[in-house]
């Protein structure tokens, strides 16, 4: 598929299944993300793939607490805060 066909055909997904994503697909996605451009071609990022749903839920709760603290410490538009927390 050509670049512009790919861009035109892309879409947002808002409904997901509980079906696990095969590890080889996750690996390919992480490898592709690692090739993204960065200043001075440094690619300073690190990736962690979490497959344990209980751990993901725990991480989500921790992030929620941190966001609450962040939003209470600085003036933030309520609608933006709601969207970020969602």
C-alpha atoms as a PDB file:
ATOM      1  CA  UNK A   1       0.000   0.000   0.000  1.00  0.00           C
ATOM      2  CA  UNK A   2       1.329   3.433  -0.885  1.00  0.00           C
ATOM      3  CA  UNK A   3       1.914   6.069   1.776  1.00  0.00           C
ATOM      4  CA  UNK A   4      -1.104   8.241   0.955  1.00  0.00           C
ATOM      5  CA  UNK A   5      -3.395   5.221   0.670  1.00  0.00           C
ATOM      6  CA  UNK A   6      -2.205   4.120   4.085  1.00  0.00           C
ATOM      7  CA  UNK A   7      -2.817   7.562   5.570  1.00  0.00           C
ATOM      8  CA  UNK A   8      -6.279   7.807   3.977  1.00  0.00           C
ATOM      9  CA  UNK A   9      -7.253   4.302   5.114  1.00  0.00           C
ATOM     10  CA  UNK A  10      -6.237   4.678   8.734  1.00  0.00           C
ATOM     11  CA  UNK A  11      -8.906   4.873  11.374  1.00  0.00           C
ATOM     12  CA  UNK A  12      -9.339   5.175  15.107  1.00  0.00           C
ATOM     13  CA  UNK A  13     -10.345   2.119  17.083  1.00  0.00           C
ATOM     14  CA  UNK A  14     -12.627   2.681  20.040  1.00  0.00           C
ATOM     15  CA  UNK A  15     -13.814  -0.842  20.722  1.00  0.00           C
ATOM     16  CA  UNK A  16     -11.438  -3.577  21.751  1.00  0.00           C
ATOM     17  CA  UNK A  17     -11.719  -7.224  22.633  1.00  0.00           C
ATOM     18  CA  UNK A  18     -10.162  -9.002  25.594  1.00  0.00           C
ATOM     19  CA  UNK A  19      -8.275 -11.191  23.139  1.00  0.00           C
ATOM     20  CA  UNK A  20      -4.520 -10.990  23.810  1.00  0.00           C
ATOM     21  CA  UNK A  21      -2.265  -9.541  21.137  1.00  0.00           C
ATOM     22  CA  UNK A  22       0.263 -12.137  19.953  1.00  0.00           C
ATOM     23  CA  UNK A  23       3.745 -11.439  21.299  1.00  0.00           C
ATOM     24  CA  UNK A  24       5.284 -11.436  17.812  1.00  0.00           C
ATOM     25  CA  UNK A  25       2.925  -8.597  16.806  1.00  0.00           C
ATOM     26  CA  UNK A  26       3.840  -6.636  19.950  1.00  0.00           C
ATOM     27  CA  UNK A  27       7.519  -7.201  19.189  1.00  0.00           C
ATOM     28  CA  UNK A  28       7.091  -5.891  15.625  1.00  0.00           C
ATOM     29  CA  UNK A  29       5.243  -2.803  16.905  1.00  0.00           C
ATOM     30  CA  UNK A  30       7.949  -2.058  19.471  1.00  0.00           C
ATOM     31  CA  UNK A  31      10.654  -2.506  16.847  1.00  0.00           C
ATOM     32  CA  UNK A  32       8.808  -0.100  14.520  1.00  0.00           C
ATOM     33  CA  UNK A  33       8.380   2.450  17.326  1.00  0.00           C
ATOM     34  CA  UNK A  34      12.093   2.198  18.074  1.00  0.00           C
ATOM     35  CA  UNK A  35      12.851   3.324  14.523  1.00  0.00           C
ATOM     36  CA  UNK A  36      10.941   6.586  14.920  1.00  0.00           C
ATOM     37  CA  UNK A  37      13.028   9.691  14.285  1.00  0.00           C
ATOM     38  CA  UNK A  38      14.581  11.485  17.218  1.00  0.00           C
ATOM     39  CA  UNK A  39      16.889  14.483  17.621  1.00  0.00           C
ATOM     40  CA  UNK A  40      20.430  13.547  16.591  1.00  0.00           C
ATOM     41  CA  UNK A  41      19.131  10.019  15.892  1.00  0.00           C
ATOM     42  CA  UNK A  42      19.667   9.169  19.564  1.00  0.00           C
ATOM     43  CA  UNK A  43      16.431   7.190  20.082  1.00  0.00           C
ATOM     44  CA  UNK A  44      16.622   7.668  23.869  1.00  0.00           C
ATOM     45  CA  UNK A  45      13.411   5.795  24.675  1.00  0.00           C
ATOM     46  CA  UNK A  46      12.874   2.491  26.368  1.00  0.00           C
ATOM     47  CA  UNK A  47       9.817   0.267  25.934  1.00  0.00           C
ATOM     48  CA  UNK A  48       8.187  -2.146  28.316  1.00  0.00           C
ATOM     49  CA  UNK A  49       5.447  -4.505  27.143  1.00  0.00           C
ATOM     50  CA  UNK A  50       3.165  -5.546  29.991  1.00  0.00           C
ATOM     51  CA  UNK A  51       1.036  -8.620  29.334  1.00  0.00           C
ATOM     52  CA  UNK A  52      -0.306  -9.171  32.861  1.00  0.00           C
ATOM     53  CA  UNK A  53      -3.764  -7.534  33.044  1.00  0.00           C
ATOM     54  CA  UNK A  54      -3.704  -7.296  36.848  1.00  0.00           C
ATOM     55  CA  UNK A  55      -0.391  -5.431  36.646  1.00  0.00           C
ATOM     56  CA  UNK A  56      -1.807  -3.118  33.949  1.00  0.00           C
ATOM     57  CA  UNK A  57      -4.790  -2.281  36.170  1.00  0.00           C
ATOM     58  CA  UNK A  58      -2.449  -1.601  39.103  1.00  0.00           C
ATOM     59  CA  UNK A  59      -0.298   0.659  36.927  1.00  0.00           C
ATOM     60  CA  UNK A  60      -3.416   2.503  35.728  1.00  0.00           C
ATOM     61  CA  UNK A  61      -4.461   3.243  39.300  1.00  0.00           C
ATOM     62  CA  UNK A  62      -1.006   4.605  40.124  1.00  0.00           C
ATOM     63  CA  UNK A  63      -1.068   6.835  37.045  1.00  0.00           C
ATOM     64  CA  UNK A  64      -4.549   8.068  38.047  1.00  0.00           C
ATOM     65  CA  UNK A  65      -3.274   9.089  41.493  1.00  0.00           C
ATOM     66  CA  UNK A  66      -0.301  10.887  39.930  1.00  0.00           C
ATOM     67  CA  UNK A  67      -2.589  12.724  37.493  1.00  0.00           C
ATOM     68  CA  UNK A  68      -4.847  13.826  40.349  1.00  0.00           C
ATOM     69  CA  UNK A  69      -1.806  15.272  42.125  1.00  0.00           C
ATOM     70  CA  UNK A  70      -0.556  16.937  38.955  1.00  0.00           C
ATOM     71  CA  UNK A  71      -3.920  18.511  38.143  1.00  0.00           C
ATOM     72  CA  UNK A  72      -4.398  19.747  41.702  1.00  0.00           C
ATOM     73  CA  UNK A  73      -0.942  21.358  41.741  1.00  0.00           C
ATOM     74  CA  UNK A  74      -1.417  23.479  38.610  1.00  0.00           C
ATOM     75  CA  UNK A  75      -4.386  25.201  37.008  1.00  0.00           C
ATOM     76  CA  UNK A  76      -5.690  22.914  34.279  1.00  0.00           C
ATOM     77  CA  UNK A  77      -8.827  23.237  32.191  1.00  0.00           C
ATOM     78  CA  UNK A  78     -11.347  20.749  33.617  1.00  0.00           C
ATOM     79  CA  UNK A  79     -12.273  19.400  30.179  1.00  0.00           C
ATOM     80  CA  UNK A  80      -8.639  18.750  29.301  1.00  0.00           C
ATOM     81  CA  UNK A  81      -8.093  17.018  32.650  1.00  0.00           C
ATOM     82  CA  UNK A  82     -11.148  14.818  32.058  1.00  0.00           C
ATOM     83  CA  UNK A  83      -9.926  13.797  28.606  1.00  0.00           C
ATOM     84  CA  UNK A  84      -6.413  13.040  29.857  1.00  0.00           C
ATOM     85  CA  UNK A  85      -7.698  10.949  32.750  1.00  0.00           C
ATOM     86  CA  UNK A  86     -10.037   9.016  30.445  1.00  0.00           C
END
